[in-house]
C-alpha cells in the first residue's frame, strides 16, 4: 500500500497540480498508514480513521484558485457549483469549509462533511478527497476537484474581474510562470495506417501518455481509439491514459458483440465518428481552456435554453472549431459530434472537452488537440486583457 501512496503523490507532483511540499495521503491497509508532509499526514490519518472508505488525499493546490473561490463567495454559501461536465456527472457540487468554521477539532469537522462526498475544499488547507476502494479513486477525485475549481475560477475572473487582494498578482504568476508552452514538438508518432494489433496497442499507449505529459488531459479525463477496419481498439472506461497497457478493448466495428462492455462510455460516439468521417484515429481530451471557452456564449442571457450543455441545438464556432452540446455516453455527443467533426478534424463539446481525428494515425489528431487548446488559451487571455483594460480605465 505504501507504494500506492508514493505513486499518486508523485503523480500530483508530476502534473504540477499540488505544491510538492504540501501533499499527504492516507490509506486503510491492515493498519492505517499515512505519508507526506507531516502536518497534513497526521490530519489525513485522523480524518480517514473516522470514515468508511479506504483512502484519502489532502494537498494544497499549486494555484490558489480554490481558496479564491471560497473567499469570493458570500458567507452563507456552503458549496461551489461549477458547470463543467466532470462536476455535473461525478461531483454534483463541491462543499467548502471556511477556516473560521473548522473549530478546535478540524479533523472531526472535515470528516463529517466528507462522510458522503468525494471531495471538498478547505480554506487554508486545500483539497481533500476520498477513495471508497482504492488510492487511485482518491487521486482521481482530488484531481476532479482541482480541474473543476480551475475552470470555475477562470470563468468567474473572465466575467467579473478581480475583487480580492492578491488576485491580480497570483493570476499573473499563473499566466506567466505556471502555464507551460503547449506543443507536439519532439514527439514521435508511428505512421499509419496501423494494421497489426501489437502496433496499434503500442501506439495508443504511447499517445495516451503524450496527452497526459503535455498537459492536454488529466490522466483519466479522456479516451483514445483506433480502427483497423474490422475492430475498434478503445481505452476502457475509467482507465488512465498514461497507463493504458492492459486497458484497451478490441470491439467489433459492426457492434455485433457485448465485448465492449468495459470500453469507454464514449464508444458509441467513437464508432459513429469512424463511420461518418472514415478516419482511423480518435483522441478525446479535456484540456481546460477549451472547456472554459466552450461555456462562453454571447447569446446566453437572451436564450430560452437553460441546460445549455445538453439542450442547445446550435453549432457555435471557436475559431474554426465547431462547438456542440451533448450528454456523455450514448446521448447527445454521439449524435452531435460526428456531423461536424469531419470538416475541420476537431470539435468541442460544451463544458466537456475536445474530440480530434486522424485520417491514418495519431499525429494529425494530436496536433489538432494541441492547436485547439492553444487557440482557446490565446482567446481567453485576449478577452481577459480586453475586458480588464476596460474595467481599469
Protein backbone atom coordinates (compact mmCIF):
# COMPACT_ATOMS: atom_id res chain seq x y z
CA UNK A 1 0.00 0.00 0.00
CA UNK A 2 2.85 2.41 0.70
CA UNK A 3 3.96 2.11 -2.91
CA UNK A 4 0.47 3.30 -3.94
CA UNK A 5 0.74 6.33 -1.68
CA UNK A 6 4.10 7.17 -3.21
CA UNK A 7 2.85 6.59 -6.76
CA UNK A 8 -0.04 9.02 -6.50
CA UNK A 9 1.94 11.55 -4.54
CA UNK A 10 4.42 11.54 -7.43
CA UNK A 11 1.58 11.96 -9.93
CA UNK A 12 0.38 15.09 -8.15
CA UNK A 13 3.91 16.46 -8.33
CA UNK A 14 4.38 15.48 -11.98
CA UNK A 15 1.19 17.17 -13.18
CA UNK A 16 2.05 20.24 -11.08
CA UNK A 17 -1.45 20.44 -9.62
CA UNK A 18 -0.30 20.36 -5.98
CA UNK A 19 2.54 22.00 -4.09
CA UNK A 20 5.27 19.38 -3.80
CA UNK A 21 5.81 20.03 -0.09
CA UNK A 22 2.09 20.11 0.77
CA UNK A 23 0.88 16.62 -0.19
CA UNK A 24 -0.30 13.83 2.11
CA UNK A 25 -2.08 10.54 1.55
CA UNK A 26 -3.56 8.02 3.94
CA UNK A 27 -4.91 4.51 3.43
CA UNK A 28 -6.52 1.70 5.38
CA UNK A 29 -4.40 -1.43 4.98
CA UNK A 30 -4.09 -3.98 7.76
CA UNK A 31 -3.38 -0.85 9.71
CA UNK A 32 -3.98 2.81 8.91
CA UNK A 33 -0.94 4.30 7.20
CA UNK A 34 -0.15 7.80 6.00
CA UNK A 35 2.66 9.56 4.18
CA UNK A 36 3.67 13.03 3.08
CA UNK A 37 4.04 16.41 4.74
CA UNK A 38 3.89 15.78 8.49
CA UNK A 39 1.05 18.11 9.49
CA UNK A 40 -1.16 17.09 6.57
CA UNK A 41 -0.24 13.44 7.07
CA UNK A 42 -1.45 13.48 10.68
CA UNK A 43 -4.62 15.32 9.66
CA UNK A 44 -5.26 12.85 6.83
CA UNK A 45 -4.90 9.85 9.12
CA UNK A 46 -7.20 11.41 11.70
CA UNK A 47 -9.88 12.16 9.09
CA UNK A 48 -9.65 8.74 7.44
CA UNK A 49 -9.96 6.95 10.78
CA UNK A 50 -13.48 8.40 11.02
CA UNK A 51 -14.60 7.47 7.50
CA UNK A 52 -15.87 4.31 5.86
CA UNK A 53 -13.50 4.37 2.91
CA UNK A 54 -10.06 3.09 2.00
CA UNK A 55 -8.01 6.16 1.06
CA UNK A 56 -7.71 9.91 1.34
CA UNK A 57 -5.65 12.61 -0.38
CA UNK A 58 -5.09 16.02 1.21
CA UNK A 59 -2.98 18.51 -0.71
CA UNK A 60 -2.62 22.23 -1.24
CA UNK A 61 -3.19 23.12 -4.90
CA UNK A 62 -0.29 24.73 -6.74
CA UNK A 63 -2.73 27.52 -7.70
CA UNK A 64 -4.80 29.47 -5.13
CA UNK A 65 -7.97 29.31 -7.22
CA UNK A 66 -9.94 27.10 -4.83
CA UNK A 67 -9.27 29.42 -1.87
CA UNK A 68 -10.16 32.44 -4.01
CA UNK A 69 -13.50 30.83 -4.90
CA UNK A 70 -14.25 30.38 -1.20
CA UNK A 71 -13.30 33.97 -0.41
CA UNK A 72 -15.27 35.38 -3.36
CA UNK A 73 -18.46 33.63 -2.24
CA UNK A 74 -20.83 35.05 0.35
CA UNK A 75 -20.66 33.85 3.95
CA UNK A 76 -23.89 31.86 3.56
CA UNK A 77 -22.52 29.83 0.65
CA UNK A 78 -21.52 26.29 1.54
CA UNK A 79 -20.65 24.87 -1.84
CA UNK A 80 -19.15 25.71 -5.21
CA UNK A 81 -21.20 24.65 -8.23
CA UNK A 82 -19.07 24.58 -11.40
CA UNK A 83 -20.81 23.84 -14.70
CA UNK A 84 -18.21 21.59 -16.33
CA UNK A 85 -19.21 18.05 -17.22
CA UNK A 86 -16.98 16.34 -14.66
CA UNK A 87 -18.58 18.24 -11.78
CA UNK A 88 -22.09 17.67 -13.10
CA UNK A 89 -21.51 13.96 -13.65
CA UNK A 90 -19.32 12.90 -10.76
CA UNK A 91 -19.20 15.61 -8.07
CA UNK A 92 -22.54 17.47 -8.49
CA UNK A 93 -21.20 20.27 -6.31
CA UNK A 94 -18.09 20.90 -4.19
CA UNK A 95 -18.67 21.59 -0.48
CA UNK A 96 -16.49 24.25 1.09
CA UNK A 97 -15.25 24.73 4.63
CA UNK A 98 -14.04 28.15 5.70
CA UNK A 99 -11.09 28.30 8.05
CA UNK A 100 -13.32 30.05 10.59
CA UNK A 101 -15.64 27.02 10.64
CA UNK A 102 -13.04 24.36 11.38
CA UNK A 103 -13.25 24.73 15.15
CA UNK A 104 -10.84 23.16 17.63
CA UNK A 105 -11.13 19.67 16.08
CA UNK A 106 -10.69 20.24 12.34
CA UNK A 107 -10.42 16.53 11.53
CA UNK A 108 -13.85 15.90 13.07
CA UNK A 109 -15.42 18.79 11.14
CA UNK A 110 -13.85 17.72 7.86
CA UNK A 111 -14.78 14.05 8.37
CA UNK A 112 -18.44 14.93 8.95
CA UNK A 113 -18.57 16.80 5.64
CA UNK A 114 -16.60 14.15 3.74
CA UNK A 115 -18.76 11.33 5.02
CA UNK A 116 -20.98 11.36 1.95
CA UNK A 117 -18.88 13.35 -0.52
CA UNK A 118 -15.98 12.57 -2.83
CA UNK A 119 -14.06 15.80 -2.31
CA UNK A 120 -14.20 19.18 -0.59
CA UNK A 121 -12.30 22.46 -0.46
CA UNK A 122 -10.99 23.50 2.96
CA UNK A 123 -9.83 27.12 3.09
CA UNK A 124 -6.19 27.42 4.09
CA UNK A 125 -5.57 23.67 3.72
CA UNK A 126 -6.54 22.80 0.17
CA UNK A 127 -8.49 20.00 -1.46
CA UNK A 128 -9.30 16.82 0.44
CA UNK A 129 -10.74 13.83 -1.39
CA UNK A 130 -11.56 10.23 -0.60
CA UNK A 131 -11.40 6.92 -2.43
CA UNK A 132 -14.00 4.33 -1.48
CA UNK A 133 -11.98 1.31 -2.57
CA UNK A 134 -8.58 2.43 -3.88
CA UNK A 135 -5.92 5.11 -3.54
CA UNK A 136 -6.38 5.78 -7.25
CA UNK A 137 -10.00 6.79 -6.65
CA UNK A 138 -8.89 9.34 -4.04
CA UNK A 139 -6.35 10.75 -6.51
CA UNK A 140 -8.97 10.91 -9.27
CA UNK A 141 -11.45 12.70 -7.02
CA UNK A 142 -8.79 15.17 -5.86
CA UNK A 143 -7.86 15.91 -9.46
CA UNK A 144 -11.53 16.27 -10.42
CA UNK A 145 -11.97 18.97 -7.78
CA UNK A 146 -8.77 20.70 -8.92
CA UNK A 147 -9.98 20.63 -12.55
CA UNK A 148 -13.41 21.97 -11.58
CA UNK A 149 -12.09 24.81 -9.41
CA UNK A 150 -9.54 25.77 -12.10
CA UNK A 151 -12.30 26.04 -14.71
CA UNK A 152 -14.77 27.79 -12.39
CA UNK A 153 -12.31 30.40 -11.15
CA UNK A 154 -11.08 31.37 -14.61
CA UNK A 155 -14.68 31.61 -15.79
CA UNK A 156 -15.52 33.92 -12.90
CA UNK A 157 -12.47 36.12 -13.49
CA UNK A 158 -13.33 36.49 -17.16
CA UNK A 159 -16.86 37.55 -16.21
CA UNK A 160 -16.22 39.67 -13.13
CA UNK A 161 -12.52 40.54 -12.91
CA UNK A 162 -10.63 40.59 -9.61
CA UNK A 163 -12.18 41.57 -6.29
CA UNK A 164 -9.71 40.22 -3.70
CA UNK A 165 -6.28 41.41 -2.56
CA UNK A 166 -3.58 39.31 -4.20
CA UNK A 167 -5.71 38.00 -7.04
CA UNK A 168 -4.07 40.05 -9.78
CA UNK A 169 -0.53 39.06 -8.79
CA UNK A 170 -1.50 35.39 -8.39
CA UNK A 171 -3.18 35.43 -11.80
CA UNK A 172 -0.06 36.99 -13.33
CA UNK A 173 2.15 34.26 -11.83
CA UNK A 174 -0.23 31.62 -13.13
CA UNK A 175 -0.22 33.12 -16.60
CA UNK A 176 3.48 33.82 -16.91
CA UNK A 177 5.07 31.10 -14.78
CA UNK A 178 2.75 28.15 -14.10
CA UNK A 179 1.38 27.73 -17.62
CA UNK A 180 3.81 25.98 -19.94
CA UNK A 181 4.03 26.25 -23.74
CA UNK A 182 1.93 23.57 -25.38
CA UNK A 183 3.18 21.78 -28.49
CA UNK A 184 3.78 18.42 -30.16
CA UNK A 185 7.47 19.18 -30.69
CA UNK A 186 9.80 16.29 -30.00
CA UNK A 187 7.12 13.61 -30.02
CA UNK A 188 7.26 10.57 -32.28
CA UNK A 189 4.22 9.04 -33.98
CA UNK A 190 4.00 5.77 -35.90
CA UNK A 191 2.94 6.47 -39.47
CA UNK A 192 -0.37 4.89 -40.43
CA UNK A 193 -2.36 3.05 -41.41
CA UNK A 194 -1.74 0.70 -38.48
CA UNK A 195 -2.98 -2.81 -39.13
CA UNK A 196 -1.43 -5.16 -36.59
CA UNK A 197 -2.81 -5.45 -33.09
CA UNK A 198 0.58 -5.12 -31.41
CA UNK A 199 1.48 -1.86 -33.17
CA UNK A 200 -1.97 -0.40 -32.54
CA UNK A 201 -1.82 -1.17 -28.83
CA UNK A 202 1.73 0.16 -28.52
CA UNK A 203 0.91 3.40 -30.34
CA UNK A 204 -2.28 4.01 -28.36
CA UNK A 205 -0.39 3.58 -25.08
CA UNK A 206 2.35 5.94 -26.25
CA UNK A 207 -0.04 8.63 -27.49
CA UNK A 208 -2.18 8.32 -24.38
CA UNK A 209 0.89 9.14 -22.31
CA UNK A 210 1.65 12.09 -24.58
CA UNK A 211 -1.75 13.65 -23.88
CA UNK A 212 -1.13 13.48 -20.12
CA UNK A 213 2.52 14.53 -20.11
CA UNK A 214 1.83 17.51 -22.38
CA UNK A 215 -0.96 18.73 -20.11
CA UNK A 216 -3.83 18.14 -22.52
CA UNK A 217 -5.75 16.00 -20.08
CA UNK A 218 -5.54 14.72 -16.55
CA UNK A 219 -4.71 11.02 -16.75
CA UNK A 220 -8.30 9.79 -16.53
CA UNK A 221 -10.12 12.62 -18.33
CA UNK A 222 -10.43 11.38 -21.88
CA UNK A 223 -10.26 8.41 -24.18
CA UNK A 224 -8.49 7.21 -27.29
CA UNK A 225 -9.35 4.79 -30.09
CA UNK A 226 -8.08 3.38 -33.36
CA UNK A 227 -9.86 1.36 -36.04
CA UNK A 228 -8.21 -1.04 -38.47
CA UNK A 229 -11.50 -1.55 -40.30
CA UNK A 230 -12.59 -4.71 -38.53
CA UNK A 231 -12.09 -3.71 -34.92
CA UNK A 232 -12.23 -0.56 -32.86
CA UNK A 233 -9.48 -0.51 -30.24
CA UNK A 234 -10.64 1.81 -27.46
CA UNK A 235 -9.47 2.68 -23.96
CA UNK A 236 -11.52 1.16 -21.16
CA UNK A 237 -13.87 3.24 -19.09
CA UNK A 238 -12.13 4.99 -16.16
CA UNK A 239 -8.71 3.98 -17.48
CA UNK A 240 -5.77 6.35 -17.10
CA UNK A 241 -4.40 7.48 -20.44
CA UNK A 242 -0.85 7.32 -19.11
CA UNK A 243 -1.36 3.69 -18.00
CA UNK A 244 -3.11 2.09 -20.97
CA UNK A 245 -1.30 -1.27 -21.38
CA UNK A 246 -3.86 -3.91 -20.47
CA UNK A 247 -6.67 -1.33 -20.53
CA UNK A 248 -7.58 -1.25 -24.24
CA UNK A 249 -10.58 -3.21 -25.57
CA UNK A 250 -10.86 -4.52 -29.12
CA UNK A 251 -14.51 -4.15 -30.12
CA UNK A 252 -16.07 -5.41 -33.39
CA UNK A 253 -16.68 -2.43 -35.66
CA UNK A 254 -20.18 -3.64 -36.53
CA UNK A 255 -21.29 -3.74 -32.89
CA UNK A 256 -22.01 -7.47 -33.08
CA UNK A 257 -20.71 -8.32 -29.61
CA UNK A 258 -21.00 -7.29 -25.97
CA UNK A 259 -17.22 -7.35 -25.65
CA UNK A 260 -17.33 -3.56 -25.41
CA UNK A 261 -18.97 -3.68 -22.00
CA UNK A 262 -15.80 -2.41 -20.29
CA UNK A 263 -14.93 0.01 -23.09
CA UNK A 264 -15.06 3.78 -22.73
CA UNK A 265 -18.51 5.27 -22.21
CA UNK A 266 -17.85 7.21 -25.42
CA UNK A 267 -17.67 4.03 -27.57
CA UNK A 268 -20.87 4.87 -29.43
CA UNK A 269 -19.59 8.36 -30.26
CA UNK A 270 -16.25 6.97 -31.46
CA UNK A 271 -17.95 4.36 -33.66
CA UNK A 272 -20.16 6.98 -35.30
CA UNK A 273 -17.20 9.30 -35.88
CA UNK A 274 -15.37 6.45 -37.63
CA UNK A 275 -18.44 5.71 -39.74
CA UNK A 276 -19.09 9.34 -40.64
CA UNK A 277 -15.53 10.52 -41.38
CA UNK A 278 -13.65 7.40 -42.46
CA UNK A 279 -10.83 8.34 -40.08
CA UNK A 280 -8.74 5.75 -38.23
CA UNK A 281 -7.63 7.59 -35.06
CA UNK A 282 -9.64 9.50 -32.46
CA UNK A 283 -8.43 11.42 -29.41
CA UNK A 284 -10.70 12.88 -26.78
CA UNK A 285 -9.27 15.05 -24.03
CA UNK A 286 -10.45 17.66 -21.57
CA UNK A 287 -7.93 20.49 -21.95
CA UNK A 288 -9.00 23.20 -19.53
CA UNK A 289 -9.07 26.31 -21.71
CA UNK A 290 -11.18 24.54 -24.33
CA UNK A 291 -13.61 23.58 -21.56
CA UNK A 292 -13.70 27.17 -20.28
CA UNK A 293 -14.16 28.80 -23.67
CA UNK A 294 -16.85 26.32 -24.72
CA UNK A 295 -19.07 27.76 -21.97
CA UNK A 296 -18.62 31.40 -23.05
CA UNK A 297 -21.72 32.16 -25.11
CA UNK A 298 -22.72 35.70 -26.03
CA UNK A 299 -26.36 34.67 -26.51
CA UNK A 300 -26.78 33.04 -23.09
CA UNK A 301 -28.60 35.96 -21.45
CA UNK A 302 -31.23 36.17 -24.19
CA UNK A 303 -31.58 32.43 -24.81
CA UNK A 304 -34.51 30.37 -23.53
CA UNK A 305 -32.37 27.23 -23.20
CA UNK A 306 -31.36 26.61 -19.60
CA UNK A 307 -29.47 23.31 -19.76
CA UNK A 308 -27.06 24.55 -22.43
CA UNK A 309 -24.76 21.54 -22.01
CA UNK A 310 -27.40 19.13 -23.33
CA UNK A 311 -30.25 21.08 -24.95
CA UNK A 312 -28.57 23.72 -27.12
CA UNK A 313 -29.18 22.86 -30.77
CA UNK A 314 -26.85 25.47 -32.25
CA UNK A 315 -23.37 24.84 -33.62
CA UNK A 316 -21.12 27.68 -32.45
CA UNK A 317 -17.53 28.28 -33.52
CA UNK A 318 -14.37 28.90 -31.53
CA UNK A 319 -12.02 29.96 -34.26
CA UNK A 320 -12.61 27.29 -36.89
CA UNK A 321 -13.65 24.63 -34.38
CA UNK A 322 -17.35 23.77 -34.03
CA UNK A 323 -18.84 23.67 -30.52
CA UNK A 324 -21.83 21.44 -29.83
CA UNK A 325 -23.84 20.39 -26.80
CA UNK A 326 -24.45 16.83 -25.75
CA UNK A 327 -24.64 14.37 -22.89
CA UNK A 328 -21.86 11.87 -22.44
CA UNK A 329 -22.18 8.20 -23.35
CA UNK A 330 -24.76 7.29 -25.98
CA UNK A 331 -26.52 10.63 -25.57
CA UNK A 332 -26.05 13.88 -27.45
CA UNK A 333 -22.30 13.59 -28.05
CA UNK A 334 -22.79 10.52 -30.25
CA UNK A 335 -25.47 12.44 -32.16
CA UNK A 336 -23.93 15.90 -32.38
CA UNK A 337 -20.17 15.44 -32.81
CA UNK A 338 -19.97 13.14 -35.88
CA UNK A 339 -21.77 15.51 -38.30
CA UNK A 340 -19.45 18.45 -37.54
CA UNK A 341 -16.04 16.92 -36.92
CA UNK A 342 -15.30 15.76 -40.46
CA UNK A 343 -14.90 19.21 -42.00
CA UNK A 344 -12.32 20.50 -39.52
CA UNK A 345 -10.88 17.39 -37.87
CA UNK A 346 -11.85 18.58 -34.40
CA UNK A 347 -14.90 19.51 -32.34
CA UNK A 348 -15.53 20.83 -28.83
CA UNK A 349 -18.35 19.62 -26.60
CA UNK A 350 -19.87 22.24 -24.28
CA UNK A 351 -18.22 22.05 -20.86
CA UNK A 352 -16.63 18.73 -21.68
CA UNK A 353 -13.62 18.72 -23.96
CA UNK A 354 -12.23 18.17 -27.45
CA UNK A 355 -12.55 15.37 -29.98
CA UNK A 356 -9.95 15.24 -32.76
CA UNK A 357 -9.35 12.77 -35.58
CA UNK A 358 -6.50 11.48 -37.71
CA UNK A 359 -7.10 10.04 -41.17
CA UNK A 360 -4.42 7.38 -40.81
CA UNK A 361 -2.64 7.84 -37.50
CA UNK A 362 -2.46 9.85 -34.30
CA UNK A 363 -0.06 12.59 -35.44
CA UNK A 364 -2.82 14.65 -37.02
CA UNK A 365 -5.25 14.06 -34.13
CA UNK A 366 -2.69 15.05 -31.51
CA UNK A 367 -1.68 18.21 -33.35
CA UNK A 368 -5.34 19.18 -33.67
CA UNK A 369 -5.81 18.76 -29.91
CA UNK A 370 -2.79 21.00 -29.30
CA UNK A 371 -3.98 23.61 -31.79
CA UNK A 372 -7.49 23.81 -30.33
CA UNK A 373 -6.25 24.23 -26.76
CA UNK A 374 -3.66 26.82 -27.80
CA UNK A 375 -6.31 28.81 -29.68
CA UNK A 376 -8.64 28.68 -26.68
CA UNK A 377 -5.85 29.72 -24.31
CA UNK A 378 -4.93 32.69 -26.50
CA UNK A 379 -8.58 33.68 -26.92
CA UNK A 380 -9.17 33.52 -23.18
CA UNK A 381 -6.32 35.91 -22.46
CA UNK A 382 -7.27 38.15 -25.39
CA UNK A 383 -10.75 38.56 -23.93
CA UNK A 384 -9.38 38.96 -20.41
CA UNK A 385 -6.94 41.70 -21.50
CA UNK A 386 -9.65 43.49 -23.44
CA UNK A 387 -12.13 43.36 -20.56
CA UNK A 388 -9.63 44.07 -17.80
CA UNK A 389 -8.28 47.18 -19.54
CA UNK A 390 -11.88 48.38 -19.93
CA UNK A 391 -12.64 47.79 -16.26
CA UNK A 392 -9.45 49.57 -15.21
CA UNK A 393 -9.99 52.66 -17.35
